[in-house]
Amino acid sequence: MKIKHVYLIMALSLMLPAIAGASLAADDFKYEVRGRRDPFVPLIGQEKVSYVKLEDVSSAEEVKLEGIAAVGKGNMTAMLNGEILKEKDRVGGVEVKKINKESVIISIDGKDHTLSLYQEGGAKE
């Protein structure tokens, strides 16, 4: 019986540093494209989509919400017009105010707009 306990303690002591290191690295992780495939674009069935660059956007209809992802403990990121952004990020005249599980609130020229993952045709006012 004591031998089983020793093996269990040894196994846990070997796994603990790996688990602790993984949780620390996950909090500091930032996805860098570096020429790799965009995980939000399907592998088949669509050609590459081109968007207006966020710094050139003049209206909410030009902003496309492509995806939302949870990063770490409660931190959310959103892909808008091919760029991965977090809350309070600003690109040109577009500021990300709030990211929820199914929508993103952006501000353009001081006016808030809600972009939904399941909405066709752009932003809601």
Protein backbone atom coordinates (compact mmCIF):
# COMPACT_ATOMS: atom_id res chain seq x y z
CA MET A 1 0.00 0.00 0.00
CA LYS A 2 2.81 2.45 0.83
CA ILE A 3 4.51 1.82 -2.54
CA LYS A 4 1.41 3.01 -4.40
CA HIS A 5 1.44 6.23 -2.38
CA VAL A 6 5.13 6.78 -3.19
CA TYR A 7 4.47 6.32 -6.93
CA LEU A 8 1.51 8.70 -6.77
CA ILE A 9 3.55 11.35 -4.96
CA MET A 10 6.41 10.96 -7.44
CA ALA A 11 4.05 11.27 -10.40
CA LEU A 12 2.39 14.38 -8.98
CA SER A 13 5.74 15.99 -8.16
CA LEU A 14 6.86 15.45 -11.76
CA MET A 15 3.61 16.86 -13.21
CA LEU A 16 3.26 19.91 -10.97
CA PRO A 17 6.03 22.06 -12.53
CA ALA A 18 4.68 21.34 -16.03
CA ILE A 19 1.13 22.30 -15.02
CA ALA A 20 2.27 25.45 -13.22
CA GLY A 21 4.46 26.48 -16.16
CA ALA A 22 1.61 25.95 -18.62
CA SER A 23 -0.76 28.15 -16.65
CA LEU A 24 1.80 30.96 -16.41
CA ALA A 25 2.56 30.80 -20.12
CA ALA A 26 -1.14 30.84 -21.05
CA ASP A 27 -1.68 34.15 -19.24
CA ASP A 28 1.14 35.82 -21.19
CA PHE A 29 0.36 34.22 -24.56
CA LYS A 30 -0.22 36.43 -27.60
CA TYR A 31 -0.87 34.86 -31.00
CA GLU A 32 1.64 36.06 -33.59
CA VAL A 33 0.75 35.41 -37.22
CA ARG A 34 4.29 35.32 -38.66
CA GLY A 35 3.13 33.99 -42.03
CA ARG A 36 1.03 31.16 -40.59
CA ARG A 37 -2.55 30.36 -41.56
CA ASP A 38 -5.30 32.46 -40.01
CA PRO A 39 -7.27 30.11 -37.69
CA PHE A 40 -10.52 32.02 -38.37
CA VAL A 41 -10.43 31.34 -42.14
CA PRO A 42 -11.85 27.98 -43.32
CA LEU A 43 -9.40 25.66 -45.04
CA ILE A 44 -11.76 25.02 -47.95
CA GLY A 45 -14.77 26.65 -49.51
CA GLN A 46 -13.74 30.30 -49.40
CA GLU A 47 -11.28 32.44 -51.19
CA LYS A 48 -9.28 34.98 -49.25
CA VAL A 49 -11.52 37.82 -48.15
CA SER A 50 -10.29 41.40 -48.32
CA TYR A 51 -11.55 44.08 -45.98
CA VAL A 52 -11.09 47.78 -45.47
CA LYS A 53 -8.16 48.25 -43.10
CA LEU A 54 -9.34 49.29 -39.65
CA GLU A 55 -7.31 52.49 -39.79
CA ASP A 56 -9.24 53.45 -42.96
CA VAL A 57 -12.74 52.63 -41.63
CA SER A 58 -15.24 55.51 -41.72
CA SER A 59 -18.46 53.68 -40.72
CA ALA A 60 -19.55 50.64 -38.69
CA GLU A 61 -20.79 48.91 -41.86
CA GLU A 62 -17.15 48.59 -42.97
CA VAL A 63 -16.20 46.63 -39.82
CA LYS A 64 -16.54 42.85 -40.03
CA LEU A 65 -16.53 40.74 -36.84
CA GLU A 66 -14.84 37.49 -37.84
CA GLY A 67 -14.49 35.75 -34.48
CA ILE A 68 -14.24 35.98 -30.71
CA ALA A 69 -11.87 33.95 -28.55
CA ALA A 70 -11.25 33.62 -24.82
CA VAL A 71 -7.60 34.04 -23.88
CA GLY A 72 -6.62 33.17 -20.35
CA LYS A 73 -8.83 33.95 -17.37
CA GLY A 74 -11.74 35.97 -18.72
CA ASN A 75 -9.68 37.88 -21.27
CA MET A 76 -11.44 38.06 -24.62
CA THR A 77 -10.09 38.92 -28.06
CA ALA A 78 -11.96 39.70 -31.24
CA MET A 79 -10.94 39.53 -34.86
CA LEU A 80 -12.11 42.63 -36.72
CA ASN A 81 -11.22 43.06 -40.41
CA GLY A 82 -8.37 40.58 -40.06
CA GLU A 83 -6.85 42.12 -36.91
CA ILE A 84 -6.89 40.54 -33.45
CA LEU A 85 -7.83 43.11 -30.80
CA LYS A 86 -8.64 43.18 -27.10
CA GLU A 87 -10.78 45.58 -25.07
CA LYS A 88 -9.57 49.21 -25.11
CA ASP A 89 -7.49 48.65 -28.27
CA ARG A 90 -7.76 51.46 -30.82
CA VAL A 91 -6.91 51.26 -34.52
CA GLY A 92 -7.51 54.45 -36.47
CA GLY A 93 -10.96 55.73 -35.50
CA VAL A 94 -12.16 52.32 -34.21
CA GLU A 95 -12.01 51.57 -30.48
CA VAL A 96 -13.00 48.22 -28.95
CA LYS A 97 -15.15 49.05 -25.91
CA LYS A 98 -16.40 45.62 -24.76
CA ILE A 99 -16.06 42.01 -25.95
CA ASN A 100 -18.77 39.51 -24.97
CA LYS A 101 -19.18 35.85 -25.92
CA GLU A 102 -21.33 36.64 -28.97
CA SER A 103 -20.81 40.34 -29.67
CA VAL A 104 -18.37 43.24 -29.63
CA ILE A 105 -19.13 46.87 -28.85
CA ILE A 106 -16.98 49.28 -30.84
CA SER A 107 -16.87 53.06 -30.94
CA ILE A 108 -16.36 55.02 -34.14
CA ASP A 109 -16.17 58.81 -33.85
CA GLY A 110 -17.62 58.65 -30.33
CA LYS A 111 -20.68 56.60 -31.35
CA ASP A 112 -21.08 53.03 -30.04
CA HIS A 113 -22.02 50.13 -32.36
CA THR A 114 -22.67 46.47 -31.53
CA LEU A 115 -21.28 43.80 -33.86
CA SER A 116 -22.78 40.32 -33.45
CA LEU A 117 -21.33 37.00 -34.57
CA TYR A 118 -24.78 35.86 -35.69
CA GLN A 119 -25.91 39.06 -37.39
CA GLU A 120 -25.89 39.53 -41.14
CA GLY A 121 -25.14 42.85 -42.73
CA GLY A 122 -22.90 44.74 -40.32
CA ALA A 123 -23.38 46.66 -37.12
CA LYS A 124 -26.41 47.61 -35.03
CA GLU A 125 -26.67 51.15 -33.74
